[in-house]
Structure formats: C-alpha cells, structure tokens
Amino acid sequence: MIAALADPRFHDMIPEVERYQQRTQALGRTAVHAADGEAGTSEDAPSLLAAAKEAIAEQVREATDAPQGQMLFTASNRMTNRFSRSDG
C-alpha cells in the first residue's frame, strides 16, 4: 500500500517513506535484540521467540498505519477532480 501511494509522487513522499523505513528497522532490531537476550539458553526459548515475533509484527503494523494515513492525505490533495476516457 505504501509503495502504491508513494510511487506516482515519490518526490513528495520520500520524507515519509524514509521515516517509516528507519522507524520499522529500529523497532525490529530492538525487539530482536531483546528477544535474543530474554530467550538466551532458556528451555522455553521457542515459545518466547514466537511471542516476540508476534509482538514485533504488531509494532510494525501499528508503525505502518501512521505513514499510510499521511501518504493517502498527501496523494489525495494532489488528485485531479476529473475523468477522461483514456483513464482506463
């Protein structure tokens, strides 16, 4: 969704795309580091890592919602209010 919104107006969207990339990479690295430290040599490591994977996915999902809304707003402000027979 982000790529579809950003592609036609990339020069307008690049700041939001870069912030999103940095935010999600930082979330992922932090969560993986914490999960590795928590699991360590624990016998329950598989279930701890599975729970950490779900937490990472939820954090990235939440971090994805904000830029999508902003990018949709930016793209909709630049839409034309007309249709053409060649739009198809």
C-alpha atoms as a PDB file:
ATOM      1  CA  MET A   1       0.000   0.000   0.000  1.00  0.00           C
ATOM      2  CA  ILE A   2       2.798   2.392   0.873  1.00  0.00           C
ATOM      3  CA  ALA A   3       4.588   1.664  -2.385  1.00  0.00           C
ATOM      4  CA  ALA A   4       1.402   2.175  -4.415  1.00  0.00           C
ATOM      5  CA  LEU A   5       0.786   5.534  -2.770  1.00  0.00           C
ATOM      6  CA  ALA A   6       4.394   6.687  -2.960  1.00  0.00           C
ATOM      7  CA  ASP A   7       5.285   5.630  -6.494  1.00  0.00           C
ATOM      8  CA  PRO A   8       3.466   8.281  -8.575  1.00  0.00           C
ATOM      9  CA  ARG A   9       4.528  11.139  -6.296  1.00  0.00           C
ATOM     10  CA  PHE A  10       7.776   9.845  -4.881  1.00  0.00           C
ATOM     11  CA  HIS A  11       9.384  13.281  -4.569  1.00  0.00           C
ATOM     12  CA  ASP A  12       6.516  14.351  -2.276  1.00  0.00           C
ATOM     13  CA  MET A  13       6.510  11.121  -0.280  1.00  0.00           C
ATOM     14  CA  ILE A  14      10.212  10.385   0.211  1.00  0.00           C
ATOM     15  CA  PRO A  15      10.486  12.014   3.670  1.00  0.00           C
ATOM     16  CA  GLU A  16       7.601   9.921   4.990  1.00  0.00           C
ATOM     17  CA  VAL A  17       8.968   6.748   3.364  1.00  0.00           C
ATOM     18  CA  GLU A  18      12.421   7.279   4.876  1.00  0.00           C
ATOM     19  CA  ARG A  19      10.979   7.938   8.352  1.00  0.00           C
ATOM     20  CA  TYR A  20       8.900   4.772   8.042  1.00  0.00           C
ATOM     21  CA  GLN A  21      11.912   2.697   6.997  1.00  0.00           C
ATOM     22  CA  GLN A  22      14.048   3.987   9.849  1.00  0.00           C
ATOM     23  CA  ARG A  23      11.273   3.565  12.406  1.00  0.00           C
ATOM     24  CA  THR A  24      10.464  -0.030  11.466  1.00  0.00           C
ATOM     25  CA  GLN A  25      14.117  -1.064  11.193  1.00  0.00           C
ATOM     26  CA  ALA A  26      14.790   0.339  14.660  1.00  0.00           C
ATOM     27  CA  LEU A  27      11.723  -1.413  16.089  1.00  0.00           C
ATOM     28  CA  GLY A  28      12.785  -4.709  14.564  1.00  0.00           C
ATOM     29  CA  ARG A  29      16.389  -4.532  15.702  1.00  0.00           C
ATOM     30  CA  THR A  30      15.431  -3.524  19.235  1.00  0.00           C
ATOM     31  CA  ALA A  31      12.829  -6.269  19.519  1.00  0.00           C
ATOM     32  CA  VAL A  32      15.118  -8.969  18.104  1.00  0.00           C
ATOM     33  CA  HIS A  33      17.926  -7.948  20.468  1.00  0.00           C
ATOM     34  CA  ALA A  34      15.554  -8.022  23.460  1.00  0.00           C
ATOM     35  CA  ALA A  35      14.077 -11.392  22.428  1.00  0.00           C
ATOM     36  CA  ASP A  36      17.516 -12.942  21.966  1.00  0.00           C
ATOM     37  CA  GLY A  37      18.569 -11.732  25.402  1.00  0.00           C
ATOM     38  CA  GLU A  38      15.372 -12.965  27.018  1.00  0.00           C
ATOM     39  CA  ALA A  39      15.403 -16.367  25.344  1.00  0.00           C
ATOM     40  CA  GLY A  40      19.119 -16.950  25.851  1.00  0.00           C
ATOM     41  CA  THR A  41      19.577 -20.539  26.866  1.00  0.00           C
ATOM     42  CA  SER A  42      16.072 -20.933  28.254  1.00  0.00           C
ATOM     43  CA  GLU A  43      14.345 -24.249  27.666  1.00  0.00           C
ATOM     44  CA  ASP A  44      11.215 -22.269  26.748  1.00  0.00           C
ATOM     45  CA  ALA A  45      13.063 -20.351  24.002  1.00  0.00           C
ATOM     46  CA  PRO A  46      10.799 -21.397  21.092  1.00  0.00           C
ATOM     47  CA  SER A  47       7.645 -20.080  22.778  1.00  0.00           C
ATOM     48  CA  LEU A  48       9.440 -16.902  23.915  1.00  0.00           C
ATOM     49  CA  LEU A  49      10.657 -16.260  20.387  1.00  0.00           C
ATOM     50  CA  ALA A  50       7.199 -16.938  18.930  1.00  0.00           C
ATOM     51  CA  ALA A  51       5.684 -14.402  21.335  1.00  0.00           C
ATOM     52  CA  ALA A  52       8.425 -11.914  20.433  1.00  0.00           C
ATOM     53  CA  LYS A  53       7.690 -12.439  16.724  1.00  0.00           C
ATOM     54  CA  GLU A  54       4.031 -11.613  17.297  1.00  0.00           C
ATOM     55  CA  ALA A  55       4.973  -8.504  19.285  1.00  0.00           C
ATOM     56  CA  ILE A  56       7.327  -7.330  16.523  1.00  0.00           C
ATOM     57  CA  ALA A  57       4.632  -7.863  13.892  1.00  0.00           C
ATOM     58  CA  GLU A  58       2.113  -5.845  15.912  1.00  0.00           C
ATOM     59  CA  GLN A  59       4.582  -2.988  16.440  1.00  0.00           C
ATOM     60  CA  VAL A  60       5.387  -2.832  12.724  1.00  0.00           C
ATOM     61  CA  ARG A  61       1.673  -2.988  11.874  1.00  0.00           C
ATOM     62  CA  GLU A  62       0.996  -0.026  14.168  1.00  0.00           C
ATOM     63  CA  ALA A  63       4.010   1.867  12.794  1.00  0.00           C
ATOM     64  CA  THR A  64       2.682   1.305   9.262  1.00  0.00           C
ATOM     65  CA  ASP A  65      -0.723   2.874   9.892  1.00  0.00           C
ATOM     66  CA  ALA A  66       0.546   6.412  10.547  1.00  0.00           C
ATOM     67  CA  PRO A  67       2.526   6.911   7.318  1.00  0.00           C
ATOM     68  CA  GLN A  68      -0.215   5.297   5.243  1.00  0.00           C
ATOM     69  CA  GLY A  69      -2.699   7.857   6.501  1.00  0.00           C
ATOM     70  CA  GLN A  70      -0.314  10.745   5.882  1.00  0.00           C
ATOM     71  CA  MET A  71       0.614   9.485   2.425  1.00  0.00           C
ATOM     72  CA  LEU A  72      -3.036   8.972   1.481  1.00  0.00           C
ATOM     73  CA  PHE A  73      -3.772  12.530   2.593  1.00  0.00           C
ATOM     74  CA  THR A  74      -0.837  13.903   0.545  1.00  0.00           C
ATOM     75  CA  ALA A  75      -1.809  11.876  -2.535  1.00  0.00           C
ATOM     76  CA  SER A  76      -5.488  12.840  -2.292  1.00  0.00           C
ATOM     77  CA  ASN A  77      -4.598  16.542  -2.120  1.00  0.00           C
ATOM     78  CA  ARG A  78      -2.860  16.229  -5.476  1.00  0.00           C
ATOM     79  CA  MET A  79      -5.639  14.317  -7.243  1.00  0.00           C
ATOM     80  CA  THR A  80      -7.464  15.889 -10.150  1.00  0.00           C
ATOM     81  CA  ASN A  81     -11.230  16.140  -9.976  1.00  0.00           C
ATOM     82  CA  ARG A  82     -11.889  14.937 -13.497  1.00  0.00           C
ATOM     83  CA  PHE A  83     -12.034  11.760 -15.504  1.00  0.00           C
ATOM     84  CA  SER A  84     -11.010  11.030 -19.053  1.00  0.00           C
ATOM     85  CA  ARG A  85     -11.832   8.216 -21.427  1.00  0.00           C
ATOM     86  CA  SER A  86      -8.125   7.413 -21.541  1.00  0.00           C
ATOM     87  CA  ASP A  87      -8.052   6.732 -17.759  1.00  0.00           C
ATOM     88  CA  GLY A  88      -8.705   3.114 -18.143  1.00  0.00           C
END
